[in-house]
Amino acid sequence: MADAEPTDDRLRLLIERVERLEEEKKGIADDIRDVYAEAKAVGYDVKIMRQIVRLRKMKPDDRREMETILDTYKAALGIG
């Protein structure tokens, strides 16, 4: 049984770390929501802002490929 205690302590510490990180993540998500609310209050389109953030996360080559495919689909549907 002596071997179980260090494992139990380590497990508890790992769980506590995850819990702290989850709480930090919630705080950050709340902060992001506040920034979008501020942007909306001054007249920015939040949906478009979210799309821009998503695009900026992408690698340039991936973004170009996605835009090319999107243009192809739009042209095929006559909405380009």
PDB file of N, CA and C in Angstrom:
ATOM      1  N   MET A   1       0.804  -1.204   0.000  1.00  0.00           N
ATOM      2  CA  MET A   1       0.000   0.000   0.000  1.00  0.00           C
ATOM      3  C   MET A   1       0.845   1.265   0.000  1.00  0.00           C
ATOM      4  N   ALA A   2       2.083   1.180   0.387  1.00  0.00           N
ATOM      5  CA  ALA A   2       2.930   2.362   0.446  1.00  0.00           C
ATOM      6  C   ALA A   2       3.110   2.986  -0.935  1.00  0.00           C
ATOM      7  N   ASP A   3       3.085   2.171  -1.986  1.00  0.00           N
ATOM      8  CA  ASP A   3       3.246   2.693  -3.339  1.00  0.00           C
ATOM      9  C   ASP A   3       2.023   3.492  -3.790  1.00  0.00           C
ATOM     10  N   ALA A   4       0.879   3.226  -3.247  1.00  0.00           N
ATOM     11  CA  ALA A   4      -0.345   3.886  -3.688  1.00  0.00           C
ATOM     12  C   ALA A   4      -0.397   5.352  -3.274  1.00  0.00           C
ATOM     13  N   GLU A   5       0.177   5.675  -2.132  1.00  0.00           N
ATOM     14  CA  GLU A   5       0.080   7.050  -1.640  1.00  0.00           C
ATOM     15  C   GLU A   5       0.718   8.060  -2.576  1.00  0.00           C
ATOM     16  N   PRO A   6       1.979   7.871  -3.011  1.00  0.00           N
ATOM     17  CA  PRO A   6       2.549   8.866  -3.933  1.00  0.00           C
ATOM     18  C   PRO A   6       1.730   8.988  -5.221  1.00  0.00           C
ATOM     19  N   THR A   7       1.208   7.862  -5.703  1.00  0.00           N
ATOM     20  CA  THR A   7       0.377   7.888  -6.908  1.00  0.00           C
ATOM     21  C   THR A   7      -0.897   8.666  -6.636  1.00  0.00           C
ATOM     22  N   ASP A   8      -1.510   8.428  -5.484  1.00  0.00           N
ATOM     23  CA  ASP A   8      -2.729   9.150  -5.119  1.00  0.00           C
ATOM     24  C   ASP A   8      -2.452  10.643  -5.009  1.00  0.00           C
ATOM     25  N   ASP A   9      -1.323  11.006  -4.392  1.00  0.00           N
ATOM     26  CA  ASP A   9      -0.948  12.418  -4.266  1.00  0.00           C
ATOM     27  C   ASP A   9      -0.725  13.035  -5.643  1.00  0.00           C
ATOM     28  N   ARG A  10      -0.037  12.302  -6.488  1.00  0.00           N
ATOM     29  CA  ARG A  10       0.227  12.830  -7.832  1.00  0.00           C
ATOM     30  C   ARG A  10      -1.073  13.003  -8.597  1.00  0.00           C
ATOM     31  N   LEU A  11      -1.957  12.022  -8.509  1.00  0.00           N
ATOM     32  CA  LEU A  11      -3.247  12.119  -9.184  1.00  0.00           C
ATOM     33  C   LEU A  11      -4.021  13.332  -8.687  1.00  0.00           C
ATOM     34  N   ARG A  12      -4.051  13.511  -7.372  1.00  0.00           N
ATOM     35  CA  ARG A  12      -4.764  14.653  -6.793  1.00  0.00           C
ATOM     36  C   ARG A  12      -4.180  15.956  -7.301  1.00  0.00           C
ATOM     37  N   LEU A  13      -2.850  16.064  -7.338  1.00  0.00           N
ATOM     38  CA  LEU A  13      -2.195  17.278  -7.825  1.00  0.00           C
ATOM     39  C   LEU A  13      -2.509  17.527  -9.304  1.00  0.00           C
ATOM     40  N   LEU A  14      -2.512  16.476 -10.088  1.00  0.00           N
ATOM     41  CA  LEU A  14      -2.837  16.622 -11.509  1.00  0.00           C
ATOM     42  C   LEU A  14      -4.280  17.096 -11.694  1.00  0.00           C
ATOM     43  N   ILE A  15      -5.191  16.496 -10.937  1.00  0.00           N
ATOM     44  CA  ILE A  15      -6.599  16.893 -11.011  1.00  0.00           C
ATOM     45  C   ILE A  15      -6.754  18.357 -10.608  1.00  0.00           C
ATOM     46  N   GLU A  16      -6.080  18.764  -9.542  1.00  0.00           N
ATOM     47  CA  GLU A  16      -6.164  20.152  -9.082  1.00  0.00           C
ATOM     48  C   GLU A  16      -5.613  21.117 -10.122  1.00  0.00           C
ATOM     49  N   ARG A  17      -4.536  20.716 -10.816  1.00  0.00           N
ATOM     50  CA  ARG A  17      -3.982  21.561 -11.887  1.00  0.00           C
ATOM     51  C   ARG A  17      -4.994  21.727 -13.017  1.00  0.00           C
ATOM     52  N   VAL A  18      -5.634  20.618 -13.399  1.00  0.00           N
ATOM     53  CA  VAL A  18      -6.641  20.681 -14.459  1.00  0.00           C
ATOM     54  C   VAL A  18      -7.783  21.600 -14.028  1.00  0.00           C
ATOM     55  N   GLU A  19      -8.208  21.474 -12.777  1.00  0.00           N
ATOM     56  CA  GLU A  19      -9.297  22.315 -12.279  1.00  0.00           C
ATOM     57  C   GLU A  19      -8.920  23.792 -12.325  1.00  0.00           C
ATOM     58  N   ARG A  20      -7.699  24.130 -11.923  1.00  0.00           N
ATOM     59  CA  ARG A  20      -7.245  25.525 -11.972  1.00  0.00           C
ATOM     60  C   ARG A  20      -7.206  26.035 -13.410  1.00  0.00           C
ATOM     61  N   LEU A  21      -6.697  25.206 -14.312  1.00  0.00           N
ATOM     62  CA  LEU A  21      -6.630  25.600 -15.722  1.00  0.00           C
ATOM     63  C   LEU A  21      -8.028  25.781 -16.321  1.00  0.00           C
ATOM     64  N   GLU A  22      -8.952  24.899 -15.950  1.00  0.00           N
ATOM     65  CA  GLU A  22     -10.334  25.044 -16.418  1.00  0.00           C
ATOM     66  C   GLU A  22     -10.930  26.363 -15.929  1.00  0.00           C
ATOM     67  N   GLU A  23     -10.644  26.726 -14.703  1.00  0.00           N
ATOM     68  CA  GLU A  23     -11.150  27.991 -14.154  1.00  0.00           C
ATOM     69  C   GLU A  23     -10.531  29.178 -14.893  1.00  0.00           C
ATOM     70  N   GLU A  24      -9.229  29.098 -15.186  1.00  0.00           N
ATOM     71  CA  GLU A  24      -8.568  30.156 -15.950  1.00  0.00           C
ATOM     72  C   GLU A  24      -9.176  30.254 -17.345  1.00  0.00           C
ATOM     73  N   LYS A  25      -9.439  29.101 -17.961  1.00  0.00           N
ATOM     74  CA  LYS A  25     -10.032  29.068 -19.301  1.00  0.00           C
ATOM     75  C   LYS A  25     -11.394  29.756 -19.283  1.00  0.00           C
ATOM     76  N   LYS A  26     -12.186  29.501 -18.242  1.00  0.00           N
ATOM     77  CA  LYS A  26     -13.494  30.141 -18.127  1.00  0.00           C
ATOM     78  C   LYS A  26     -13.330  31.648 -17.995  1.00  0.00           C
ATOM     79  N   GLY A  27     -12.357  32.075 -17.212  1.00  0.00           N
ATOM     80  CA  GLY A  27     -12.101  33.507 -17.054  1.00  0.00           C
ATOM     81  C   GLY A  27     -11.697  34.159 -18.369  1.00  0.00           C
ATOM     82  N   ILE A  28     -10.863  33.479 -19.130  1.00  0.00           N
ATOM     83  CA  ILE A  28     -10.431  34.002 -20.424  1.00  0.00           C
ATOM     84  C   ILE A  28     -11.612  34.056 -21.392  1.00  0.00           C
ATOM     85  N   ALA A  29     -12.440  33.021 -21.385  1.00  0.00           N
ATOM     86  CA  ALA A  29     -13.628  33.016 -22.253  1.00  0.00           C
ATOM     87  C   ALA A  29     -14.548  34.183 -21.899  1.00  0.00           C
ATOM     88  N   ASP A  30     -14.692  34.467 -20.615  1.00  0.00           N
ATOM     89  CA  ASP A  30     -15.504  35.613 -20.182  1.00  0.00           C
ATOM     90  C   ASP A  30     -14.893  36.913 -20.683  1.00  0.00           C
ATOM     91  N   ASP A  31     -13.567  37.028 -20.615  1.00  0.00           N
ATOM     92  CA  ASP A  31     -12.880  38.233 -21.094  1.00  0.00           C
ATOM     93  C   ASP A  31     -13.091  38.419 -22.591  1.00  0.00           C
ATOM     94  N   ILE A  32     -12.995  37.329 -23.348  1.00  0.00           N
ATOM     95  CA  ILE A  32     -13.197  37.392 -24.798  1.00  0.00           C
ATOM     96  C   ILE A  32     -14.625  37.838 -25.099  1.00  0.00           C
ATOM     97  N   ARG A  33     -15.583  37.281 -24.385  1.00  0.00           N
ATOM     98  CA  ARG A  33     -16.987  37.667 -24.560  1.00  0.00           C
ATOM     99  C   ARG A  33     -17.164  39.169 -24.292  1.00  0.00           C
ATOM    100  N   ASP A  34     -16.488  39.676 -23.261  1.00  0.00           N
ATOM    101  CA  ASP A  34     -16.570  41.101 -22.943  1.00  0.00           C
ATOM    102  C   ASP A  34     -16.004  41.964 -24.072  1.00  0.00           C
ATOM    103  N   VAL A  35     -14.905  41.524 -24.677  1.00  0.00           N
ATOM    104  CA  VAL A  35     -14.299  42.280 -25.779  1.00  0.00           C
ATOM    105  C   VAL A  35     -15.259  42.326 -26.968  1.00  0.00           C
ATOM    106  N   TYR A  36     -15.876  41.184 -27.290  1.00  0.00           N
ATOM    107  CA  TYR A  36     -16.842  41.173 -28.385  1.00  0.00           C
ATOM    108  C   TYR A  36     -18.048  42.064 -28.069  1.00  0.00           C
ATOM    109  N   ALA A  37     -18.493  42.066 -26.825  1.00  0.00           N
ATOM    110  CA  ALA A  37     -19.611  42.927 -26.432  1.00  0.00           C
ATOM    111  C   ALA A  37     -19.224  44.396 -26.585  1.00  0.00           C
ATOM    112  N   GLU A  38     -18.009  44.736 -26.217  1.00  0.00           N
ATOM    113  CA  GLU A  38     -17.521  46.108 -26.382  1.00  0.00           C
ATOM    114  C   GLU A  38     -17.477  46.482 -27.864  1.00  0.00           C
ATOM    115  N   ALA A  39     -16.981  45.559 -28.688  1.00  0.00           N
ATOM    116  CA  ALA A  39     -16.908  45.810 -30.132  1.00  0.00           C
ATOM    117  C   ALA A  39     -18.306  46.042 -30.701  1.00  0.00           C
ATOM    118  N   LYS A  40     -19.264  45.220 -30.274  1.00  0.00           N
ATOM    119  CA  LYS A  40     -20.641  45.356 -30.754  1.00  0.00           C
ATOM    120  C   LYS A  40     -21.221  46.697 -30.319  1.00  0.00           C
ATOM    121  N   ALA A  41     -20.906  47.112 -29.096  1.00  0.00           N
ATOM    122  CA  ALA A  41     -21.436  48.367 -28.560  1.00  0.00           C
ATOM    123  C   ALA A  41     -20.965  49.579 -29.354  1.00  0.00           C
ATOM    124  N   VAL A  42     -19.785  49.481 -29.979  1.00  0.00           N
ATOM    125  CA  VAL A  42     -19.287  50.617 -30.763  1.00  0.00           C
ATOM    126  C   VAL A  42     -19.559  50.433 -32.251  1.00  0.00           C
ATOM    127  N   GLY A  43     -20.340  49.391 -32.608  1.00  0.00           N
ATOM    128  CA  GLY A  43     -20.808  49.265 -33.971  1.00  0.00           C
ATOM    129  C   GLY A  43     -20.133  48.246 -34.862  1.00  0.00           C
ATOM    130  N   TYR A  44     -19.212  47.453 -34.335  1.00  0.00           N
ATOM    131  CA  TYR A  44     -18.571  46.436 -35.162  1.00  0.00           C
ATOM    132  C   TYR A  44     -19.450  45.201 -35.280  1.00  0.00           C
ATOM    133  N   ASP A  45     -19.327  44.499 -36.399  1.00  0.00           N
ATOM    134  CA  ASP A  45     -20.064  43.262 -36.632  1.00  0.00           C
ATOM    135  C   ASP A  45     -19.264  42.114 -36.014  1.00  0.00           C
ATOM    136  N   VAL A  46     -19.776  41.569 -34.939  1.00  0.00           N
ATOM    137  CA  VAL A  46     -19.059  40.558 -34.166  1.00  0.00           C
ATOM    138  C   VAL A  46     -18.901  39.260 -34.955  1.00  0.00           C
ATOM    139  N   LYS A  47     -19.894  38.887 -35.760  1.00  0.00           N
ATOM    140  CA  LYS A  47     -19.768  37.667 -36.563  1.00  0.00           C
ATOM    141  C   LYS A  47     -18.579  37.780 -37.522  1.00  0.00           C
ATOM    142  N   ILE A  48     -18.444  38.932 -38.136  1.00  0.00           N
ATOM    143  CA  ILE A  48     -17.328  39.141 -39.058  1.00  0.00           C
ATOM    144  C   ILE A  48     -16.008  39.149 -38.298  1.00  0.00           C
ATOM    145  N   MET A  49     -15.996  39.757 -37.133  1.00  0.00           N
ATOM    146  CA  MET A  49     -14.770  39.754 -36.311  1.00  0.00           C
ATOM    147  C   MET A  49     -14.346  38.331 -35.974  1.00  0.00           C
ATOM    148  N   ARG A  50     -15.309  37.489 -35.621  1.00  0.00           N
ATOM    149  CA  ARG A  50     -14.991  36.095 -35.297  1.00  0.00           C
ATOM    150  C   ARG A  50     -14.413  35.371 -36.516  1.00  0.00           C
ATOM    151  N   GLN A  51     -14.960  35.655 -37.702  1.00  0.00           N
ATOM    152  CA  GLN A  51     -14.429  35.053 -38.920  1.00  0.00           C
ATOM    153  C   GLN A  51     -12.998  35.518 -39.179  1.00  0.00           C
ATOM    154  N   ILE A  52     -12.744  36.802 -38.963  1.00  0.00           N
ATOM    155  CA  ILE A  52     -11.392  37.336 -39.161  1.00  0.00           C
ATOM    156  C   ILE A  52     -10.413  36.679 -38.196  1.00  0.00           C
ATOM    157  N   VAL A  53     -10.805  36.530 -36.945  1.00  0.00           N
ATOM    158  CA  VAL A  53      -9.939  35.872 -35.961  1.00  0.00           C
ATOM    159  C   VAL A  53      -9.635  34.448 -36.413  1.00  0.00           C
ATOM    160  N   ARG A  54     -10.658  33.738 -36.892  1.00  0.00           N
ATOM    161  CA  ARG A  54     -10.462  32.374 -37.367  1.00  0.00           C
ATOM    162  C   ARG A  54      -9.514  32.345 -38.574  1.00  0.00           C
ATOM    163  N   LEU A  55      -9.690  33.282 -39.509  1.00  0.00           N
ATOM    164  CA  LEU A  55      -8.810  33.350 -40.679  1.00  0.00           C
ATOM    165  C   LEU A  55      -7.365  33.649 -40.280  1.00  0.00           C
ATOM    166  N   ARG A  56      -7.181  34.543 -39.335  1.00  0.00           N
ATOM    167  CA  ARG A  56      -5.828  34.916 -38.916  1.00  0.00           C
ATOM    168  C   ARG A  56      -5.091  33.774 -38.229  1.00  0.00           C
ATOM    169  N   LYS A  57      -5.833  32.828 -37.669  1.00  0.00           N
ATOM    170  CA  LYS A  57      -5.215  31.660 -37.035  1.00  0.00           C
ATOM    171  C   LYS A  57      -4.680  30.674 -38.066  1.00  0.00           C
ATOM    172  N   MET A  58      -5.239  30.736 -39.270  1.00  0.00           N
ATOM    173  CA  MET A  58      -4.882  29.770 -40.305  1.00  0.00           C
ATOM    174  C   MET A  58      -3.516  30.095 -40.909  1.00  0.00           C
ATOM    175  N   LYS A  59      -2.857  29.050 -41.377  1.00  0.00           N
ATOM    176  CA  LYS A  59      -1.616  29.249 -42.128  1.00  0.00           C
ATOM    177  C   LYS A  59      -1.983  29.898 -43.452  1.00  0.00           C
ATOM    178  N   PRO A  60      -1.127  30.781 -43.977  1.00  0.00           N
ATOM    179  CA  PRO A  60      -1.450  31.471 -45.234  1.00  0.00           C
ATOM    180  C   PRO A  60      -1.817  30.526 -46.381  1.00  0.00           C
ATOM    181  N   ASP A  61      -1.081  29.422 -46.525  1.00  0.00           N
ATOM    182  CA  ASP A  61      -1.391  28.478 -47.603  1.00  0.00           C
ATOM    183  C   ASP A  61      -2.763  27.843 -47.414  1.00  0.00           C
ATOM    184  N   ASP A  62      -3.103  27.496 -46.184  1.00  0.00           N
ATOM    185  CA  ASP A  62      -4.406  26.908 -45.901  1.00  0.00           C
ATOM    186  C   ASP A  62      -5.522  27.917 -46.170  1.00  0.00           C
ATOM    187  N   ARG A  63      -5.270  29.170 -45.799  1.00  0.00           N
ATOM    188  CA  ARG A  63      -6.263  30.220 -46.013  1.00  0.00           C
ATOM    189  C   ARG A  63      -6.490  30.439 -47.511  1.00  0.00           C
ATOM    190  N   ARG A  64      -5.404  30.496 -48.296  1.00  0.00           N
ATOM    191  CA  ARG A  64      -5.530  30.672 -49.748  1.00  0.00           C
ATOM    192  C   ARG A  64      -6.301  29.505 -50.378  1.00  0.00           C
ATOM    193  N   GLU A  65      -5.987  28.292 -49.942  1.00  0.00           N
ATOM    194  CA  GLU A  65      -6.680  27.118 -50.468  1.00  0.00           C
ATOM    195  C   GLU A  65      -8.169  27.183 -50.158  1.00  0.00           C
ATOM    196  N   MET A  66      -8.503  27.543 -48.925  1.00  0.00           N
ATOM    197  CA  MET A  66      -9.900  27.646 -48.533  1.00  0.00           C
ATOM    198  C   MET A  66     -10.605  28.726 -49.354  1.00  0.00           C
ATOM    199  N   GLU A  67      -9.964  29.868 -49.548  1.00  0.00           N
ATOM    200  CA  GLU A  67     -10.573  30.952 -50.310  1.00  0.00           C
ATOM    201  C   GLU A  67     -10.763  30.559 -51.774  1.00  0.00           C
ATOM    202  N   THR A  68      -9.814  29.815 -52.339  1.00  0.00           N
ATOM    203  CA  THR A  68      -9.936  29.348 -53.720  1.00  0.00           C
ATOM    204  C   THR A  68     -11.116  28.402 -53.865  1.00  0.00           C
ATOM    205  N   ILE A  69     -11.242  27.469 -52.934  1.00  0.00           N
ATOM    206  CA  ILE A  69     -12.361  26.519 -52.971  1.00  0.00           C
ATOM    207  C   ILE A  69     -13.680  27.258 -52.776  1.00  0.00           C
ATOM    208  N   LEU A  70     -13.705  28.194 -51.847  1.00  0.00           N
ATOM    209  CA  LEU A  70     -14.916  28.980 -51.604  1.00  0.00           C
ATOM    210  C   LEU A  70     -15.314  29.738 -52.871  1.00  0.00           C
ATOM    211  N   ASP A  71     -14.354  30.379 -53.529  1.00  0.00           N
ATOM    212  CA  ASP A  71     -14.640  31.100 -54.775  1.00  0.00           C
ATOM    213  C   ASP A  71     -15.178  30.157 -55.851  1.00  0.00           C
ATOM    214  N   THR A  72     -14.604  28.962 -55.939  1.00  0.00           N
ATOM    215  CA  THR A  72     -15.050  27.964 -56.911  1.00  0.00           C
ATOM    216  C   THR A  72     -16.500  27.576 -56.639  1.00  0.00           C
ATOM    217  N   TYR A  73     -16.827  27.309 -55.387  1.00  0.00           N
ATOM    218  CA  TYR A  73     -18.190  26.929 -55.016  1.00  0.00           C
ATOM    219  C   TYR A  73     -19.164  28.075 -55.281  1.00  0.00           C
ATOM    220  N   LYS A  74     -18.766  29.279 -54.917  1.00  0.00           N
ATOM    221  CA  LYS A  74     -19.636  30.432 -55.139  1.00  0.00           C
ATOM    222  C   LYS A  74     -19.915  30.632 -56.627  1.00  0.00           C
ATOM    223  N   ALA A  75     -18.867  30.510 -57.445  1.00  0.00           N
ATOM    224  CA  ALA A  75     -19.041  30.656 -58.898  1.00  0.00           C
ATOM    225  C   ALA A  75     -19.971  29.572 -59.426  1.00  0.00           C
ATOM    226  N   ALA A  76     -19.815  28.346 -58.940  1.00  0.00           N
ATOM    227  CA  ALA A  76     -20.660  27.241 -59.396  1.00  0.00           C
ATOM    228  C   ALA A  76     -22.125  27.483 -59.045  1.00  0.00           C
ATOM    229  N   LEU A  77     -22.359  28.203 -57.950  1.00  0.00           N
ATOM    230  CA  LEU A  77     -23.728  28.469 -57.508  1.00  0.00           C
ATOM    231  C   LEU A  77     -24.245  29.829 -57.989  1.00  0.00           C
ATOM    232  N   GLY A  78     -23.393  30.567 -58.707  1.00  0.00           N
ATOM    233  CA  GLY A  78     -23.795  31.855 -59.236  1.00  0.00           C
ATOM    234  C   GLY A  78     -23.950  32.932 -58.190  1.00  0.00           C
ATOM    235  N   ILE A  79     -23.201  32.822 -57.098  1.00  0.00           N
ATOM    236  CA  ILE A  79     -23.298  33.848 -56.054  1.00  0.00           C
ATOM    237  C   ILE A  79     -21.981  34.598 -55.883  1.00  0.00           C
ATOM    238  N   GLY A  80     -21.074  34.410 -56.827  1.00  0.00           N
ATOM    239  CA  GLY A  80     -19.758  35.031 -56.730  1.00  0.00           C
ATOM    240  C   GLY A  80     -19.741  36.360 -57.349  1.00  0.00           C
TER     241      GLY A  80
END
